[in-house]
Every structure is written in C-alpha cells, then in structure tokens.
C-alpha cells in the first residue's frame, strides 16, 4: 500500500508545525516523527484504525500527542488516503461508529 495525502491533510501537517515550532522546535520534530511513524504503521496494517460513522473512514490515534489521523483505504488502488490530521481537543468532523 502507498500513502496519498489530500490537500487538507498536507495543510493540517503544515498548520501543526506552524503552531508547534515557535513553542518548541524539538517538540515539533517529535510530534512530526510520531505522526510519520504512525503513517508507516498504516502502510503495513491498513485496517488498524477504528471505523467511523462516515462510510470507509477510519481513525488512528497517536496517543502520546493526542493527534488523530482520519483515513480511508482504497484496496483496488492499493492506496491509503490520508483525509485529515487533527488534535483530539479540536471539534471532530467524523464520529466513532
């Protein structure tokens, strides 16, 4: 499986960095690494996330930093589509199933 980022997900990653870097460049690097490590886990185990009420959307939680990755799996294209990445304290677009 390969990863495909929506424009929104790319924007989310940029916004996370924009927020964290002024507070702690090292902390921002750790959060980014945790997100990227979690995404690599998805490549190997695409269905590890929890199903959401929206059809074919799953949620993977990065517990240490409380970020949530929302994604869908396109088995035909062998692709994992990263829809959005947001902090768990923010209002959520997708609800758990």
PDB file of N, CA and C in Angstrom:
ATOM      1  N   UNK A   1       0.847  -1.182   0.000  1.00  0.00           N
ATOM      2  CA  UNK A   1       0.000   0.000   0.000  1.00  0.00           C
ATOM      3  C   UNK A   1       0.891   1.243   0.000  1.00  0.00           C
ATOM      4  N   UNK A   2       0.371   2.268  -0.641  1.00  0.00           N
ATOM      5  CA  UNK A   2       1.074   3.545  -0.647  1.00  0.00           C
ATOM      6  C   UNK A   2       0.183   4.592  -0.002  1.00  0.00           C
ATOM      7  N   UNK A   3       0.791   5.662   0.477  1.00  0.00           N
ATOM      8  CA  UNK A   3       0.061   6.749   1.112  1.00  0.00           C
ATOM      9  C   UNK A   3      -0.236   7.845   0.096  1.00  0.00           C
ATOM     10  N   UNK A   4      -1.440   8.380   0.188  1.00  0.00           N
ATOM     11  CA  UNK A   4      -1.821   9.545  -0.614  1.00  0.00           C
ATOM     12  C   UNK A   4      -2.411  10.570   0.352  1.00  0.00           C
ATOM     13  N   UNK A   5      -1.856  11.772   0.347  1.00  0.00           N
ATOM     14  CA  UNK A   5      -2.332  12.835   1.220  1.00  0.00           C
ATOM     15  C   UNK A   5      -3.272  13.758   0.443  1.00  0.00           C
ATOM     16  N   UNK A   6      -4.425  14.045   1.021  1.00  0.00           N
ATOM     17  CA  UNK A   6      -5.284  15.062   0.444  1.00  0.00           C
ATOM     18  C   UNK A   6      -4.626  16.420   0.698  1.00  0.00           C
ATOM     19  N   UNK A   7      -5.049  17.431  -0.039  1.00  0.00           N
ATOM     20  CA  UNK A   7      -4.526  18.776   0.207  1.00  0.00           C
ATOM     21  C   UNK A   7      -4.813  19.219   1.632  1.00  0.00           C
ATOM     22  N   UNK A   8      -5.951  18.813   2.137  1.00  0.00           N
ATOM     23  CA  UNK A   8      -6.311  19.174   3.513  1.00  0.00           C
ATOM     24  C   UNK A   8      -5.341  18.547   4.507  1.00  0.00           C
ATOM     25  N   UNK A   9      -4.999  17.282   4.315  1.00  0.00           N
ATOM     26  CA  UNK A   9      -4.072  16.612   5.231  1.00  0.00           C
ATOM     27  C   UNK A   9      -2.698  17.277   5.189  1.00  0.00           C
ATOM     28  N   UNK A  10      -2.250  17.645   4.003  1.00  0.00           N
ATOM     29  CA  UNK A  10      -0.966  18.351   3.886  1.00  0.00           C
ATOM     30  C   UNK A  10      -1.029  19.699   4.599  1.00  0.00           C
ATOM     31  N   UNK A  11      -2.147  20.381   4.449  1.00  0.00           N
ATOM     32  CA  UNK A  11      -2.347  21.655   5.130  1.00  0.00           C
ATOM     33  C   UNK A  11      -2.373  21.467   6.646  1.00  0.00           C
ATOM     34  N   UNK A  12      -2.988  20.377   7.100  1.00  0.00           N
ATOM     35  CA  UNK A  12      -3.024  20.068   8.529  1.00  0.00           C
ATOM     36  C   UNK A  12      -1.616  19.891   9.084  1.00  0.00           C
ATOM     37  N   UNK A  13      -0.777  19.129   8.361  1.00  0.00           N
ATOM     38  CA  UNK A  13       0.607  18.916   8.804  1.00  0.00           C
ATOM     39  C   UNK A  13       1.356  20.243   8.895  1.00  0.00           C
ATOM     40  N   UNK A  14       1.147  21.100   7.921  1.00  0.00           N
ATOM     41  CA  UNK A  14       1.808  22.404   7.922  1.00  0.00           C
ATOM     42  C   UNK A  14       1.319  23.256   9.093  1.00  0.00           C
ATOM     43  N   UNK A  15       0.018  23.231   9.354  1.00  0.00           N
ATOM     44  CA  UNK A  15      -0.549  24.016  10.453  1.00  0.00           C
ATOM     45  C   UNK A  15      -0.049  23.519  11.805  1.00  0.00           C
ATOM     46  N   UNK A  16       0.105  22.208  11.957  1.00  0.00           N
ATOM     47  CA  UNK A  16       0.626  21.645  13.199  1.00  0.00           C
ATOM     48  C   UNK A  16       2.040  22.173  13.434  1.00  0.00           C
ATOM     49  N   UNK A  17       2.864  22.128  12.393  1.00  0.00           N
ATOM     50  CA  UNK A  17       4.241  22.623  12.507  1.00  0.00           C
ATOM     51  C   UNK A  17       4.252  24.121  12.802  1.00  0.00           C
ATOM     52  N   UNK A  18       3.424  24.883  12.093  1.00  0.00           N
ATOM     53  CA  UNK A  18       3.367  26.335  12.298  1.00  0.00           C
ATOM     54  C   UNK A  18       3.009  26.673  13.742  1.00  0.00           C
ATOM     55  N   UNK A  19       2.171  25.869  14.347  1.00  0.00           N
ATOM     56  CA  UNK A  19       1.767  26.108  15.727  1.00  0.00           C
ATOM     57  C   UNK A  19       2.866  25.702  16.708  1.00  0.00           C
ATOM     58  N   UNK A  20       3.498  24.537  16.478  1.00  0.00           N
ATOM     59  CA  UNK A  20       4.430  23.984  17.454  1.00  0.00           C
ATOM     60  C   UNK A  20       5.846  24.545  17.387  1.00  0.00           C
ATOM     61  N   UNK A  21       6.335  24.859  16.206  1.00  0.00           N
ATOM     62  CA  UNK A  21       7.741  25.285  16.072  1.00  0.00           C
ATOM     63  C   UNK A  21       8.069  26.490  16.955  1.00  0.00           C
ATOM     64  N   UNK A  22       7.236  27.541  16.992  1.00  0.00           N
ATOM     65  CA  UNK A  22       7.586  28.669  17.865  1.00  0.00           C
ATOM     66  C   UNK A  22       7.598  28.296  19.354  1.00  0.00           C
ATOM     67  N   UNK A  23       6.792  27.325  19.730  1.00  0.00           N
ATOM     68  CA  UNK A  23       6.742  26.896  21.124  1.00  0.00           C
ATOM     69  C   UNK A  23       7.937  26.025  21.486  1.00  0.00           C
ATOM     70  N   UNK A  24       8.276  25.105  20.581  1.00  0.00           N
ATOM     71  CA  UNK A  24       9.383  24.173  20.819  1.00  0.00           C
ATOM     72  C   UNK A  24       9.755  23.487  19.510  1.00  0.00           C
ATOM     73  N   UNK A  25      10.844  23.908  18.882  1.00  0.00           N
ATOM     74  CA  UNK A  25      11.261  23.249  17.637  1.00  0.00           C
ATOM     75  C   UNK A  25      11.520  21.755  17.833  1.00  0.00           C
ATOM     76  N   UNK A  26      12.098  21.386  18.978  1.00  0.00           N
ATOM     77  CA  UNK A  26      12.351  19.969  19.237  1.00  0.00           C
ATOM     78  C   UNK A  26      11.046  19.213  19.443  1.00  0.00           C
ATOM     79  N   UNK A  27      10.110  19.827  20.130  1.00  0.00           N
ATOM     80  CA  UNK A  27       8.801  19.202  20.332  1.00  0.00           C
ATOM     81  C   UNK A  27       8.065  19.019  19.020  1.00  0.00           C
ATOM     82  N   UNK A  28       8.165  20.023  18.162  1.00  0.00           N
ATOM     83  CA  UNK A  28       7.537  19.932  16.846  1.00  0.00           C
ATOM     84  C   UNK A  28       8.120  18.778  16.055  1.00  0.00           C
ATOM     85  N   UNK A  29       9.433  18.596  16.144  1.00  0.00           N
ATOM     86  CA  UNK A  29      10.091  17.489  15.434  1.00  0.00           C
ATOM     87  C   UNK A  29       9.635  16.142  15.990  1.00  0.00           C
ATOM     88  N   UNK A  30       9.445  16.057  17.308  1.00  0.00           N
ATOM     89  CA  UNK A  30       8.979  14.797  17.907  1.00  0.00           C
ATOM     90  C   UNK A  30       7.547  14.466  17.482  1.00  0.00           C
ATOM     91  N   UNK A  31       6.696  15.476  17.443  1.00  0.00           N
ATOM     92  CA  UNK A  31       5.304  15.262  17.018  1.00  0.00           C
ATOM     93  C   UNK A  31       5.275  14.825  15.561  1.00  0.00           C
ATOM     94  N   UNK A  32       6.038  15.507  14.727  1.00  0.00           N
ATOM     95  CA  UNK A  32       6.101  15.140  13.301  1.00  0.00           C
ATOM     96  C   UNK A  32       6.584  13.705  13.131  1.00  0.00           C
ATOM     97  N   UNK A  33       7.613  13.334  13.878  1.00  0.00           N
ATOM     98  CA  UNK A  33       8.139  11.963  13.790  1.00  0.00           C
ATOM     99  C   UNK A  33       7.089  10.950  14.235  1.00  0.00           C
ATOM    100  N   UNK A  34       6.342  11.262  15.290  1.00  0.00           N
ATOM    101  CA  UNK A  34       5.298  10.348  15.767  1.00  0.00           C
ATOM    102  C   UNK A  34       4.202  10.178  14.719  1.00  0.00           C
ATOM    103  N   UNK A  35       3.827  11.268  14.072  1.00  0.00           N
ATOM    104  CA  UNK A  35       2.800  11.193  13.032  1.00  0.00           C
ATOM    105  C   UNK A  35       3.306  10.346  11.865  1.00  0.00           C
ATOM    106  N   UNK A  36       4.523  10.611  11.414  1.00  0.00           N
ATOM    107  CA  UNK A  36       5.076   9.866  10.283  1.00  0.00           C
ATOM    108  C   UNK A  36       5.278   8.387  10.613  1.00  0.00           C
ATOM    109  N   UNK A  37       5.696   8.088  11.845  1.00  0.00           N
ATOM    110  CA  UNK A  37       5.827   6.683  12.259  1.00  0.00           C
ATOM    111  C   UNK A  37       4.476   5.978  12.228  1.00  0.00           C
ATOM    112  N   UNK A  38       3.442   6.665  12.697  1.00  0.00           N
ATOM    113  CA  UNK A  38       2.095   6.082  12.687  1.00  0.00           C
ATOM    114  C   UNK A  38       1.617   5.831  11.264  1.00  0.00           C
ATOM    115  N   UNK A  39       1.961   6.739  10.365  1.00  0.00           N
ATOM    116  CA  UNK A  39       1.577   6.565   8.972  1.00  0.00           C
ATOM    117  C   UNK A  39       2.283   5.353   8.359  1.00  0.00           C
ATOM    118  N   UNK A  40       3.515   5.115   8.744  1.00  0.00           N
ATOM    119  CA  UNK A  40       4.230   3.933   8.243  1.00  0.00           C
ATOM    120  C   UNK A  40       3.583   2.651   8.771  1.00  0.00           C
ATOM    121  N   UNK A  41       3.072   2.684   9.991  1.00  0.00           N
ATOM    122  CA  UNK A  41       2.332   1.530  10.515  1.00  0.00           C
ATOM    123  C   UNK A  41       1.090   1.256   9.673  1.00  0.00           C
ATOM    124  N   UNK A  42       0.438   2.322   9.210  1.00  0.00           N
ATOM    125  CA  UNK A  42      -0.741   2.156   8.359  1.00  0.00           C
ATOM    126  C   UNK A  42      -0.399   1.440   7.058  1.00  0.00           C
ATOM    127  N   UNK A  43       0.775   1.722   6.520  1.00  0.00           N
ATOM    128  CA  UNK A  43       1.187   1.069   5.274  1.00  0.00           C
ATOM    129  C   UNK A  43       1.209  -0.442   5.456  1.00  0.00           C
ATOM    130  N   UNK A  44       1.647  -0.896   6.619  1.00  0.00           N
ATOM    131  CA  UNK A  44       1.723  -2.335   6.883  1.00  0.00           C
ATOM    132  C   UNK A  44       0.403  -2.912   7.368  1.00  0.00           C
ATOM    133  N   UNK A  45      -0.339  -2.138   8.152  1.00  0.00           N
ATOM    134  CA  UNK A  45      -1.581  -2.626   8.763  1.00  0.00           C
ATOM    135  C   UNK A  45      -2.693  -1.601   8.523  1.00  0.00           C
ATOM    136  N   UNK A  46      -3.207  -1.578   7.325  1.00  0.00           N
ATOM    137  CA  UNK A  46      -4.107  -0.507   6.899  1.00  0.00           C
ATOM    138  C   UNK A  46      -5.439  -0.445   7.653  1.00  0.00           C
ATOM    139  N   UNK A  47      -5.856  -1.522   8.266  1.00  0.00           N
ATOM    140  CA  UNK A  47      -7.161  -1.517   8.939  1.00  0.00           C
ATOM    141  C   UNK A  47      -7.061  -1.429  10.460  1.00  0.00           C
ATOM    142  N   UNK A  48      -5.937  -0.898  10.977  1.00  0.00           N
ATOM    143  CA  UNK A  48      -5.791  -0.837  12.432  1.00  0.00           C
ATOM    144  C   UNK A  48      -6.613   0.280  13.060  1.00  0.00           C
ATOM    145  N   UNK A  49      -7.019   1.246  12.268  1.00  0.00           N
ATOM    146  CA  UNK A  49      -7.801   2.353  12.809  1.00  0.00           C
ATOM    147  C   UNK A  49      -9.233   1.952  13.111  1.00  0.00           C
ATOM    148  N   UNK A  50      -9.861   2.738  13.971  1.00  0.00           N
ATOM    149  CA  UNK A  50     -11.256   2.489  14.344  1.00  0.00           C
ATOM    150  C   UNK A  50     -12.192   3.017  13.267  1.00  0.00           C
ATOM    151  N   UNK A  51     -13.221   2.246  12.956  1.00  0.00           N
ATOM    152  CA  UNK A  51     -14.222   2.678  11.975  1.00  0.00           C
ATOM    153  C   UNK A  51     -14.983   3.888  12.503  1.00  0.00           C
ATOM    154  N   UNK A  52     -15.327   4.767  11.582  1.00  0.00           N
ATOM    155  CA  UNK A  52     -16.102   5.953  11.912  1.00  0.00           C
ATOM    156  C   UNK A  52     -17.488   5.828  11.283  1.00  0.00           C
ATOM    157  N   UNK A  53     -18.382   6.734  11.653  1.00  0.00           N
ATOM    158  CA  UNK A  53     -19.739   6.642  11.103  1.00  0.00           C
ATOM    159  C   UNK A  53     -19.756   6.927   9.608  1.00  0.00           C
ATOM    160  N   UNK A  54     -18.861   7.779   9.135  1.00  0.00           N
ATOM    161  CA  UNK A  54     -18.767   8.032   7.689  1.00  0.00           C
ATOM    162  C   UNK A  54     -18.236   6.770   7.013  1.00  0.00           C
ATOM    163  N   UNK A  55     -18.893   6.363   5.958  1.00  0.00           N
ATOM    164  CA  UNK A  55     -18.533   5.118   5.286  1.00  0.00           C
ATOM    165  C   UNK A  55     -17.069   5.112   4.846  1.00  0.00           C
ATOM    166  N   UNK A  56     -16.380   4.059   5.157  1.00  0.00           N
ATOM    167  CA  UNK A  56     -14.993   3.761   4.790  1.00  0.00           C
ATOM    168  C   UNK A  56     -13.952   4.682   5.421  1.00  0.00           C
ATOM    169  N   UNK A  57     -14.354   5.490   6.399  1.00  0.00           N
ATOM    170  CA  UNK A  57     -13.380   6.335   7.100  1.00  0.00           C
ATOM    171  C   UNK A  57     -12.963   5.636   8.384  1.00  0.00           C
ATOM    172  N   UNK A  58     -11.653   5.671   8.646  1.00  0.00           N
ATOM    173  CA  UNK A  58     -11.085   5.102   9.869  1.00  0.00           C
ATOM    174  C   UNK A  58     -10.294   6.171  10.599  1.00  0.00           C
ATOM    175  N   UNK A  59     -10.101   5.968  11.902  1.00  0.00           N
ATOM    176  CA  UNK A  59      -9.360   6.918  12.730  1.00  0.00           C
ATOM    177  C   UNK A  59      -8.229   6.182  13.438  1.00  0.00           C
ATOM    178  N   UNK A  60      -7.036   6.721  13.323  1.00  0.00           N
ATOM    179  CA  UNK A  60      -5.882   6.205  14.041  1.00  0.00           C
ATOM    180  C   UNK A  60      -5.448   7.267  15.035  1.00  0.00           C
ATOM    181  N   UNK A  61      -5.357   6.901  16.310  1.00  0.00           N
ATOM    182  CA  UNK A  61      -4.967   7.850  17.353  1.00  0.00           C
ATOM    183  C   UNK A  61      -3.474   7.732  17.641  1.00  0.00           C
ATOM    184  N   UNK A  62      -2.826   8.876  17.721  1.00  0.00           N
ATOM    185  CA  UNK A  62      -1.444   8.941  18.176  1.00  0.00           C
ATOM    186  C   UNK A  62      -1.539   9.361  19.634  1.00  0.00           C
ATOM    187  N   UNK A  63      -1.567   8.403  20.511  1.00  0.00           N
ATOM    188  CA  UNK A  63      -1.903   8.639  21.911  1.00  0.00           C
ATOM    189  C   UNK A  63      -0.953   9.603  22.622  1.00  0.00           C
ATOM    190  N   UNK A  64       0.331   9.469  22.383  1.00  0.00           N
ATOM    191  CA  UNK A  64       1.302  10.289  23.113  1.00  0.00           C
ATOM    192  C   UNK A  64       1.059  11.780  22.900  1.00  0.00           C
ATOM    193  N   UNK A  65       0.681  12.160  21.698  1.00  0.00           N
ATOM    194  CA  UNK A  65       0.500  13.580  21.384  1.00  0.00           C
ATOM    195  C   UNK A  65      -0.949  13.951  21.101  1.00  0.00           C
ATOM    196  N   UNK A  66      -1.841  12.998  21.222  1.00  0.00           N
ATOM    197  CA  UNK A  66      -3.282  13.227  21.089  1.00  0.00           C
ATOM    198  C   UNK A  66      -3.706  13.745  19.708  1.00  0.00           C
ATOM    199  N   UNK A  67      -2.990  13.319  18.680  1.00  0.00           N
ATOM    200  CA  UNK A  67      -3.412  13.650  17.322  1.00  0.00           C
ATOM    201  C   UNK A  67      -4.200  12.481  16.746  1.00  0.00           C
ATOM    202  N   UNK A  68      -5.128  12.805  15.861  1.00  0.00           N
ATOM    203  CA  UNK A  68      -5.977  11.815  15.220  1.00  0.00           C
ATOM    204  C   UNK A  68      -5.769  11.892  13.716  1.00  0.00           C
ATOM    205  N   UNK A  69      -5.552  10.741  13.113  1.00  0.00           N
ATOM    206  CA  UNK A  69      -5.392  10.659  11.669  1.00  0.00           C
ATOM    207  C   UNK A  69      -6.648   9.996  11.114  1.00  0.00           C
ATOM    208  N   UNK A  70      -7.349  10.695  10.249  1.00  0.00           N
ATOM    209  CA  UNK A  70      -8.530  10.138   9.592  1.00  0.00           C
ATOM    210  C   UNK A  70      -8.124   9.736   8.176  1.00  0.00           C
ATOM    211  N   UNK A  71      -8.499   8.522   7.803  1.00  0.00           N
ATOM    212  CA  UNK A  71      -8.066   8.000   6.512  1.00  0.00           C
ATOM    213  C   UNK A  71      -9.074   7.012   5.956  1.00  0.00           C
ATOM    214  N   UNK A  72      -8.918   6.694   4.690  1.00  0.00           N
ATOM    215  CA  UNK A  72      -9.705   5.632   4.068  1.00  0.00           C
ATOM    216  C   UNK A  72      -8.753   4.753   3.277  1.00  0.00           C
ATOM    217  N   UNK A  73      -9.187   3.524   3.050  1.00  0.00           N
ATOM    218  CA  UNK A  73      -8.359   2.553   2.336  1.00  0.00           C
ATOM    219  C   UNK A  73      -9.022   2.244   1.002  1.00  0.00           C
ATOM    220  N   UNK A  74      -8.245   2.383  -0.059  1.00  0.00           N
ATOM    221  CA  UNK A  74      -8.712   2.025  -1.391  1.00  0.00           C
ATOM    222  C   UNK A  74      -7.939   0.766  -1.788  1.00  0.00           C
ATOM    223  N   UNK A  75      -8.544  -0.391  -1.533  1.00  0.00           N
ATOM    224  CA  UNK A  75      -7.862  -1.665  -1.810  1.00  0.00           C
ATOM    225  C   UNK A  75      -7.579  -1.849  -3.297  1.00  0.00           C
ATOM    226  N   UNK A  76      -8.496  -1.394  -4.145  1.00  0.00           N
ATOM    227  CA  UNK A  76      -8.296  -1.552  -5.590  1.00  0.00           C
ATOM    228  C   UNK A  76      -7.047  -0.818  -6.067  1.00  0.00           C
ATOM    229  N   UNK A  77      -6.823   0.373  -5.557  1.00  0.00           N
ATOM    230  CA  UNK A  77      -5.657   1.174  -5.949  1.00  0.00           C
ATOM    231  C   UNK A  77      -4.452   0.894  -5.053  1.00  0.00           C
ATOM    232  N   UNK A  78      -4.649   0.019  -4.052  1.00  0.00           N
ATOM    233  CA  UNK A  78      -3.603  -0.265  -3.060  1.00  0.00           C
ATOM    234  C   UNK A  78      -3.070   1.039  -2.471  1.00  0.00           C
ATOM    235  N   UNK A  79      -4.021   1.845  -1.979  1.00  0.00           N
ATOM    236  CA  UNK A  79      -3.692   3.185  -1.525  1.00  0.00           C
ATOM    237  C   UNK A  79      -4.428   3.503  -0.230  1.00  0.00           C
ATOM    238  N   UNK A  80      -3.730   4.180   0.660  1.00  0.00           N
ATOM    239  CA  UNK A  80      -4.328   4.706   1.878  1.00  0.00           C
ATOM    240  C   UNK A  80      -4.407   6.213   1.705  1.00  0.00           C
ATOM    241  N   UNK A  81      -5.619   6.737   1.781  1.00  0.00           N
ATOM    242  CA  UNK A  81      -5.833   8.170   1.568  1.00  0.00           C
ATOM    243  C   UNK A  81      -5.945   8.845   2.931  1.00  0.00           C
ATOM    244  N   UNK A  82      -4.984   9.714   3.223  1.00  0.00           N
ATOM    245  CA  UNK A  82      -4.999  10.468   4.481  1.00  0.00           C
ATOM    246  C   UNK A  82      -5.902  11.679   4.260  1.00  0.00           C
ATOM    247  N   UNK A  83      -7.015  11.702   4.998  1.00  0.00           N
ATOM    248  CA  UNK A  83      -8.033  12.732   4.800  1.00  0.00           C
ATOM    249  C   UNK A  83      -7.738  13.995   5.597  1.00  0.00           C
ATOM    250  N   UNK A  84      -7.428  13.822   6.873  1.00  0.00           N
ATOM    251  CA  UNK A  84      -7.157  14.963   7.749  1.00  0.00           C
ATOM    252  C   UNK A  84      -6.388  14.483   8.973  1.00  0.00           C
ATOM    253  N   UNK A  85      -5.653  15.394   9.579  1.00  0.00           N
ATOM    254  CA  UNK A  85      -4.917  15.124  10.813  1.00  0.00           C
ATOM    255  C   UNK A  85      -5.255  16.265  11.762  1.00  0.00           C
ATOM    256  N   UNK A  86      -5.805  15.925  12.923  1.00  0.00           N
ATOM    257  CA  UNK A  86      -6.194  16.977  13.847  1.00  0.00           C
ATOM    258  C   UNK A  86      -5.928  16.574  15.284  1.00  0.00           C
ATOM    259  N   UNK A  87      -5.810  17.566  16.130  1.00  0.00           N
ATOM    260  CA  UNK A  87      -5.605  17.314  17.555  1.00  0.00           C
ATOM    261  C   UNK A  87      -6.926  16.858  18.162  1.00  0.00           C
ATOM    262  N   UNK A  88      -6.839  15.929  19.095  1.00  0.00           N
ATOM    263  CA  UNK A  88      -8.033  15.363  19.712  1.00  0.00           C
ATOM    264  C   UNK A  88      -8.872  16.359  20.484  1.00  0.00           C
ATOM    265  N   UNK A  89      -8.293  17.493  20.890  1.00  0.00           N
ATOM    266  CA  UNK A  89      -9.043  18.500  21.637  1.00  0.00           C
ATOM    267  C   UNK A  89      -9.915  19.361  20.734  1.00  0.00           C
ATOM    268  N   UNK A  90      -9.686  19.276  19.434  1.00  0.00           N
ATOM    269  CA  UNK A  90     -10.471  20.074  18.487  1.00  0.00           C
ATOM    270  C   UNK A  90     -11.786  19.374  18.166  1.00  0.00           C
ATOM    271  N   UNK A  91     -12.743  20.140  17.682  1.00  0.00           N
ATOM    272  CA  UNK A  91     -14.007  19.557  17.263  1.00  0.00           C
ATOM    273  C   UNK A  91     -13.758  18.571  16.128  1.00  0.00           C
ATOM    274  N   UNK A  92     -14.362  17.407  16.237  1.00  0.00           N
ATOM    275  CA  UNK A  92     -14.113  16.334  15.256  1.00  0.00           C
ATOM    276  C   UNK A  92     -15.143  16.330  14.159  1.00  0.00           C
ATOM    277  N   UNK A  93     -14.652  16.131  12.958  1.00  0.00           N
ATOM    278  CA  UNK A  93     -15.537  16.083  11.803  1.00  0.00           C
ATOM    279  C   UNK A  93     -16.223  14.718  11.681  1.00  0.00           C
ATOM    280  N   UNK A  94     -15.512  13.659  12.042  1.00  0.00           N
ATOM    281  CA  UNK A  94     -16.028  12.300  11.927  1.00  0.00           C
ATOM    282  C   UNK A  94     -16.329  11.749  13.316  1.00  0.00           C
ATOM    283  N   UNK A  95     -17.398  10.980  13.434  1.00  0.00           N
ATOM    284  CA  UNK A  95     -17.781  10.407  14.729  1.00  0.00           C
ATOM    285  C   UNK A  95     -17.482   8.905  14.729  1.00  0.00           C
ATOM    286  N   UNK A  96     -17.134   8.402  15.929  1.00  0.00           N
ATOM    287  CA  UNK A  96     -16.887   6.962  16.054  1.00  0.00           C
ATOM    288  C   UNK A  96     -18.143   6.175  15.762  1.00  0.00           C
ATOM    289  N   UNK A  97     -17.937   4.984  15.266  1.00  0.00           N
ATOM    290  CA  UNK A  97     -19.028   4.078  14.944  1.00  0.00           C
ATOM    291  C   UNK A  97     -19.528   3.411  16.187  1.00  0.00           C
TER     292      UNK A  97
END
